[in-house]
C-alpha atoms as a PDB file:
ATOM      1  CA  UNK A   1       3.178  30.169  14.579  1.00  0.00           C
ATOM      2  CA  UNK A   2       1.758  32.890  12.319  1.00  0.00           C
ATOM      3  CA  UNK A   3       2.899  35.514  14.847  1.00  0.00           C
ATOM      4  CA  UNK A   4       6.558  34.450  14.650  1.00  0.00           C
ATOM      5  CA  UNK A   5       9.206  36.197  12.554  1.00  0.00           C
ATOM      6  CA  UNK A   6       9.644  34.085   9.407  1.00  0.00           C
ATOM      7  CA  UNK A   7      12.154  36.391   7.713  1.00  0.00           C
ATOM      8  CA  UNK A   8      14.816  33.672   7.551  1.00  0.00           C
ATOM      9  CA  UNK A   9      12.386  30.902   6.549  1.00  0.00           C
ATOM     10  CA  UNK A  10      11.821  29.824   2.943  1.00  0.00           C
ATOM     11  CA  UNK A  11       8.245  28.659   3.595  1.00  0.00           C
ATOM     12  CA  UNK A  12       5.915  27.271   6.233  1.00  0.00           C
ATOM     13  CA  UNK A  13       4.650  23.697   6.094  1.00  0.00           C
ATOM     14  CA  UNK A  14       1.878  22.444   8.387  1.00  0.00           C
ATOM     15  CA  UNK A  15       0.885  18.778   8.351  1.00  0.00           C
ATOM     16  CA  UNK A  16      -2.300  17.777  10.176  1.00  0.00           C
ATOM     17  CA  UNK A  17      -3.427  14.191  10.744  1.00  0.00           C
ATOM     18  CA  UNK A  18      -6.826  14.019  12.431  1.00  0.00           C
ATOM     19  CA  UNK A  19     -10.458  13.047  11.988  1.00  0.00           C
ATOM     20  CA  UNK A  20     -12.690  15.085   9.721  1.00  0.00           C
ATOM     21  CA  UNK A  21     -16.248  15.632   8.556  1.00  0.00           C
ATOM     22  CA  UNK A  22     -17.950  17.223   5.559  1.00  0.00           C
ATOM     23  CA  UNK A  23     -17.433  20.886   4.654  1.00  0.00           C
ATOM     24  CA  UNK A  24     -13.762  20.752   5.735  1.00  0.00           C
ATOM     25  CA  UNK A  25     -14.524  20.358   9.428  1.00  0.00           C
ATOM     26  CA  UNK A  26     -11.670  18.759  11.353  1.00  0.00           C
ATOM     27  CA  UNK A  27     -11.748  17.418  14.893  1.00  0.00           C
ATOM     28  CA  UNK A  28      -9.110  17.676  17.601  1.00  0.00           C
ATOM     29  CA  UNK A  29      -9.399  17.230  21.354  1.00  0.00           C
ATOM     30  CA  UNK A  30     -13.144  16.549  20.966  1.00  0.00           C
ATOM     31  CA  UNK A  31     -13.672  19.986  19.392  1.00  0.00           C
ATOM     32  CA  UNK A  32     -14.672  20.691  15.777  1.00  0.00           C
ATOM     33  CA  UNK A  33     -12.852  23.341  13.722  1.00  0.00           C
ATOM     34  CA  UNK A  34     -13.035  24.626  10.182  1.00  0.00           C
ATOM     35  CA  UNK A  35      -9.829  23.708   8.362  1.00  0.00           C
ATOM     36  CA  UNK A  36      -9.698  27.391   7.345  1.00  0.00           C
ATOM     37  CA  UNK A  37      -8.601  28.098  10.916  1.00  0.00           C
ATOM     38  CA  UNK A  38      -5.320  26.338  10.107  1.00  0.00           C
ATOM     39  CA  UNK A  39      -4.265  28.530   7.202  1.00  0.00           C
ATOM     40  CA  UNK A  40      -6.103  31.880   7.455  1.00  0.00           C
ATOM     41  CA  UNK A  41      -3.762  33.273  10.160  1.00  0.00           C
ATOM     42  CA  UNK A  42      -0.959  33.070   7.556  1.00  0.00           C
ATOM     43  CA  UNK A  43      -2.449  35.386   4.892  1.00  0.00           C
ATOM     44  CA  UNK A  44      -0.007  38.123   3.896  1.00  0.00           C
ATOM     45  CA  UNK A  45      -1.684  40.985   5.755  1.00  0.00           C
ATOM     46  CA  UNK A  46      -1.649  38.958   9.010  1.00  0.00           C
ATOM     47  CA  UNK A  47       1.778  37.325   8.641  1.00  0.00           C
ATOM     48  CA  UNK A  48       3.895  39.750   6.637  1.00  0.00           C
ATOM     49  CA  UNK A  49       7.186  37.847   7.045  1.00  0.00           C
ATOM     50  CA  UNK A  50       5.705  34.984   4.988  1.00  0.00           C
ATOM     51  CA  UNK A  51       4.333  37.254   2.247  1.00  0.00           C
ATOM     52  CA  UNK A  52       5.595  35.997  -1.112  1.00  0.00           C
ATOM     53  CA  UNK A  53       6.670  32.666   0.398  1.00  0.00           C
ATOM     54  CA  UNK A  54       4.904  29.319   0.036  1.00  0.00           C
ATOM     55  CA  UNK A  55       2.491  28.353   2.795  1.00  0.00           C
ATOM     56  CA  UNK A  56       1.869  24.607   2.525  1.00  0.00           C
ATOM     57  CA  UNK A  57      -0.879  22.786   4.412  1.00  0.00           C
ATOM     58  CA  UNK A  58      -1.307  19.022   4.198  1.00  0.00           C
ATOM     59  CA  UNK A  59      -4.503  17.734   5.793  1.00  0.00           C
ATOM     60  CA  UNK A  60      -4.975  14.003   6.358  1.00  0.00           C
ATOM     61  CA  UNK A  61      -8.622  13.722   7.433  1.00  0.00           C
ATOM     62  CA  UNK A  62     -11.889  12.352   6.119  1.00  0.00           C
ATOM     63  CA  UNK A  63     -14.015  14.930   4.306  1.00  0.00           C
ATOM     64  CA  UNK A  64     -17.303  13.025   4.474  1.00  0.00           C
ATOM     65  CA  UNK A  65     -18.683   9.504   4.475  1.00  0.00           C
ATOM     66  CA  UNK A  66     -18.922   8.689   0.771  1.00  0.00           C
ATOM     67  CA  UNK A  67     -16.720   5.967  -0.677  1.00  0.00           C
ATOM     68  CA  UNK A  68     -15.359   5.607  -4.205  1.00  0.00           C
ATOM     69  CA  UNK A  69     -15.873   2.338  -6.103  1.00  0.00           C
ATOM     70  CA  UNK A  70     -13.281   3.272  -8.714  1.00  0.00           C
ATOM     71  CA  UNK A  71     -13.382   2.299 -12.392  1.00  0.00           C
ATOM     72  CA  UNK A  72     -11.105   0.121 -14.510  1.00  0.00           C
ATOM     73  CA  UNK A  73      -9.000   1.999 -17.087  1.00  0.00           C
ATOM     74  CA  UNK A  74      -6.398   1.014 -19.609  1.00  0.00           C
ATOM     75  CA  UNK A  75      -4.375   4.062 -20.568  1.00  0.00           C
ATOM     76  CA  UNK A  76      -0.837   5.100 -21.359  1.00  0.00           C
ATOM     77  CA  UNK A  77      -0.304   8.672 -20.205  1.00  0.00           C
ATOM     78  CA  UNK A  78       2.672  10.451 -18.745  1.00  0.00           C
ATOM     79  CA  UNK A  79       2.783  13.335 -16.314  1.00  0.00           C
ATOM     80  CA  UNK A  80       4.021  16.392 -18.185  1.00  0.00           C
ATOM     81  CA  UNK A  81       3.798  20.045 -17.360  1.00  0.00           C
ATOM     82  CA  UNK A  82       5.200  23.311 -18.575  1.00  0.00           C
ATOM     83  CA  UNK A  83       6.588  26.104 -16.475  1.00  0.00           C
ATOM     84  CA  UNK A  84       7.060  29.784 -17.106  1.00  0.00           C
ATOM     85  CA  UNK A  85       8.689  32.304 -14.846  1.00  0.00           C
ATOM     86  CA  UNK A  86       9.074  35.996 -15.425  1.00  0.00           C
ATOM     87  CA  UNK A  87      11.359  38.205 -13.411  1.00  0.00           C
ATOM     88  CA  UNK A  88       9.990  41.463 -12.043  1.00  0.00           C
ATOM     89  CA  UNK A  89      11.821  43.636  -9.554  1.00  0.00           C
ATOM     90  CA  UNK A  90       8.789  45.074  -7.754  1.00  0.00           C
ATOM     91  CA  UNK A  91       5.234  43.872  -7.747  1.00  0.00           C
ATOM     92  CA  UNK A  92       2.137  43.547  -5.613  1.00  0.00           C
ATOM     93  CA  UNK A  93       0.500  40.211  -4.852  1.00  0.00           C
ATOM     94  CA  UNK A  94      -2.902  39.276  -3.419  1.00  0.00           C
ATOM     95  CA  UNK A  95      -2.959  38.471   0.309  1.00  0.00           C
ATOM     96  CA  UNK A  96      -4.194  34.957  -0.477  1.00  0.00           C
ATOM     97  CA  UNK A  97      -1.323  34.208  -2.898  1.00  0.00           C
ATOM     98  CA  UNK A  98       1.195  31.420  -2.328  1.00  0.00           C
ATOM     99  CA  UNK A  99      -1.038  28.934  -0.494  1.00  0.00           C
ATOM    100  CA  UNK A 100      -1.323  25.232  -1.119  1.00  0.00           C
ATOM    101  CA  UNK A 101      -3.976  23.133   0.613  1.00  0.00           C
ATOM    102  CA  UNK A 102      -3.423  19.441  -0.019  1.00  0.00           C
ATOM    103  CA  UNK A 103      -6.171  17.145   1.259  1.00  0.00           C
ATOM    104  CA  UNK A 104      -6.010  13.367   1.481  1.00  0.00           C
ATOM    105  CA  UNK A 105      -9.375  13.031  -0.312  1.00  0.00           C
ATOM    106  CA  UNK A 106     -11.924  15.047  -2.220  1.00  0.00           C
ATOM    107  CA  UNK A 107     -14.789  16.822  -0.447  1.00  0.00           C
ATOM    108  CA  UNK A 108     -17.400  14.407   0.841  1.00  0.00           C
ATOM    109  CA  UNK A 109     -15.265  11.261   0.795  1.00  0.00           C
ATOM    110  CA  UNK A 110     -13.531   8.900   3.184  1.00  0.00           C
ATOM    111  CA  UNK A 111      -9.810   8.876   3.722  1.00  0.00           C
ATOM    112  CA  UNK A 112      -8.462   5.358   4.086  1.00  0.00           C
ATOM    113  CA  UNK A 113      -5.699   3.977   6.272  1.00  0.00           C
ATOM    114  CA  UNK A 114      -4.032   0.710   7.120  1.00  0.00           C
ATOM    115  CA  UNK A 115      -3.944  -0.111  10.829  1.00  0.00           C
ATOM    116  CA  UNK A 116      -0.422  -1.446  10.229  1.00  0.00           C
ATOM    117  CA  UNK A 117       1.131   0.957   7.711  1.00  0.00           C
ATOM    118  CA  UNK A 118      -0.777   4.190   8.298  1.00  0.00           C
ATOM    119  CA  UNK A 119      -2.702   6.389   5.908  1.00  0.00           C
ATOM    120  CA  UNK A 120      -2.439   5.792   2.186  1.00  0.00           C
ATOM    121  CA  UNK A 121      -1.934   9.500   1.465  1.00  0.00           C
ATOM    122  CA  UNK A 122       0.813  10.238   3.980  1.00  0.00           C
ATOM    123  CA  UNK A 123       2.532   6.941   3.145  1.00  0.00           C
ATOM    124  CA  UNK A 124       2.601   7.809  -0.585  1.00  0.00           C
ATOM    125  CA  UNK A 125       3.551  11.453   0.016  1.00  0.00           C
ATOM    126  CA  UNK A 126       6.514  10.367   2.159  1.00  0.00           C
ATOM    127  CA  UNK A 127       7.567   7.766  -0.435  1.00  0.00           C
ATOM    128  CA  UNK A 128       7.483  10.319  -3.265  1.00  0.00           C
ATOM    129  CA  UNK A 129       9.287  12.948  -1.171  1.00  0.00           C
ATOM    130  CA  UNK A 130      11.982  10.405  -0.259  1.00  0.00           C
ATOM    131  CA  UNK A 131      12.551   9.567  -3.933  1.00  0.00           C
ATOM    132  CA  UNK A 132      12.003  12.930  -5.645  1.00  0.00           C
ATOM    133  CA  UNK A 133      11.811  15.588  -2.916  1.00  0.00           C
ATOM    134  CA  UNK A 134      14.999  17.409  -3.896  1.00  0.00           C
ATOM    135  CA  UNK A 135      14.653  17.111  -7.684  1.00  0.00           C
ATOM    136  CA  UNK A 136      10.962  17.517  -8.560  1.00  0.00           C
ATOM    137  CA  UNK A 137       8.702  20.544  -8.075  1.00  0.00           C
ATOM    138  CA  UNK A 138       5.916  20.265  -5.499  1.00  0.00           C
ATOM    139  CA  UNK A 139       3.034  20.066  -7.994  1.00  0.00           C
ATOM    140  CA  UNK A 140       4.691  17.121  -9.757  1.00  0.00           C
ATOM    141  CA  UNK A 141       5.316  15.518  -6.362  1.00  0.00           C
ATOM    142  CA  UNK A 142       1.625  15.886  -5.523  1.00  0.00           C
ATOM    143  CA  UNK A 143       0.518  14.579  -8.927  1.00  0.00           C
ATOM    144  CA  UNK A 144       2.714  11.507  -8.472  1.00  0.00           C
ATOM    145  CA  UNK A 145       1.413  11.086  -4.920  1.00  0.00           C
ATOM    146  CA  UNK A 146      -2.153  11.245  -6.235  1.00  0.00           C
ATOM    147  CA  UNK A 147      -1.352   8.678  -8.913  1.00  0.00           C
ATOM    148  CA  UNK A 148       0.086   6.279  -6.329  1.00  0.00           C
ATOM    149  CA  UNK A 149      -2.864   6.682  -3.932  1.00  0.00           C
ATOM    150  CA  UNK A 150      -5.390   6.265  -6.751  1.00  0.00           C
ATOM    151  CA  UNK A 151      -3.805   3.240  -8.413  1.00  0.00           C
ATOM    152  CA  UNK A 152      -1.870   1.315  -5.768  1.00  0.00           C
ATOM    153  CA  UNK A 153      -4.445   1.085  -2.982  1.00  0.00           C
ATOM    154  CA  UNK A 154      -7.907  -0.393  -2.447  1.00  0.00           C
ATOM    155  CA  UNK A 155      -9.685  -0.801   0.873  1.00  0.00           C
ATOM    156  CA  UNK A 156      -9.962  -4.250   2.429  1.00  0.00           C
ATOM    157  CA  UNK A 157     -12.998  -4.786   4.638  1.00  0.00           C
ATOM    158  CA  UNK A 158     -14.408  -8.292   4.440  1.00  0.00           C
ATOM    159  CA  UNK A 159     -16.761  -7.732   7.399  1.00  0.00           C
ATOM    160  CA  UNK A 160     -18.526  -4.770   5.776  1.00  0.00           C
ATOM    161  CA  UNK A 161     -18.579  -5.525   2.038  1.00  0.00           C
ATOM    162  CA  UNK A 162     -19.960  -2.048   1.289  1.00  0.00           C
ATOM    163  CA  UNK A 163     -16.560  -0.679   2.409  1.00  0.00           C
ATOM    164  CA  UNK A 164     -14.505  -3.312   0.575  1.00  0.00           C
ATOM    165  CA  UNK A 165     -12.365  -2.556  -2.504  1.00  0.00           C
ATOM    166  CA  UNK A 166     -12.871   1.233  -2.352  1.00  0.00           C
ATOM    167  CA  UNK A 167     -10.540   3.864  -3.811  1.00  0.00           C
ATOM    168  CA  UNK A 168      -9.268   7.309  -2.834  1.00  0.00           C
ATOM    169  CA  UNK A 169      -7.856  10.327  -4.647  1.00  0.00           C
ATOM    170  CA  UNK A 170      -6.174  13.331  -2.996  1.00  0.00           C
ATOM    171  CA  UNK A 171      -7.254  16.896  -3.711  1.00  0.00           C
ATOM    172  CA  UNK A 172      -5.096  20.010  -4.091  1.00  0.00           C
ATOM    173  CA  UNK A 173      -6.196  23.639  -4.002  1.00  0.00           C
ATOM    174  CA  UNK A 174      -3.467  26.127  -4.779  1.00  0.00           C
ATOM    175  CA  UNK A 175      -2.829  29.811  -5.175  1.00  0.00           C
ATOM    176  CA  UNK A 176       0.921  29.276  -5.616  1.00  0.00           C
ATOM    177  CA  UNK A 177       2.280  31.773  -8.131  1.00  0.00           C
ATOM    178  CA  UNK A 178       5.574  30.005  -8.812  1.00  0.00           C
ATOM    179  CA  UNK A 179       7.043  26.521  -8.730  1.00  0.00           C
ATOM    180  CA  UNK A 180       8.158  25.192  -5.348  1.00  0.00           C
ATOM    181  CA  UNK A 181      11.312  23.090  -5.019  1.00  0.00           C
ATOM    182  CA  UNK A 182      13.014  21.635  -1.955  1.00  0.00           C
ATOM    183  CA  UNK A 183      16.707  21.636  -2.896  1.00  0.00           C
ATOM    184  CA  UNK A 184      19.131  20.066  -0.449  1.00  0.00           C
ATOM    185  CA  UNK A 185      20.445  22.617   2.021  1.00  0.00           C
ATOM    186  CA  UNK A 186      24.150  23.281   1.768  1.00  0.00           C
ATOM    187  CA  UNK A 187      26.149  22.016   4.726  1.00  0.00           C
ATOM    188  CA  UNK A 188      27.980  24.789   6.523  1.00  0.00           C
END
């Protein structure tokens, strides 16, 4: 995909659902890979037609075998952010600019799923995108997704009590240099 001409594309979005291990190792077809192998072919000096465009990678995979017991909180906080944009006609950017790596959990931890409804992370991400995908910027979408995963889900495993009532929180690493929106496409 990184070798294609992306001149007419606004961004690239890769969503991977697989098994994973510590140190961002993912597994597919009984082979282990570094998750870096997913996004590194898209750096600006290797994929020039995506330079300056968002490159979004969503990875639904365990990142270890730790589990999170969670903690009870009582708080009243809202999600607020500020944005600034400056307009420049010509500029140079780093080759690693404009990436977003969104993981379903933090390094070292399990990623949970329901055998009936699927993974908590992808389920929440889809719900938030359905409701706010054309009106909210991506970082707010991911913050709201994280809030839903962290507060609305707990594992249920009555056979193995050590895995019962556990929590999860997604993780985002970004080098995006501007806000990302997904406005509705005009119908032609």
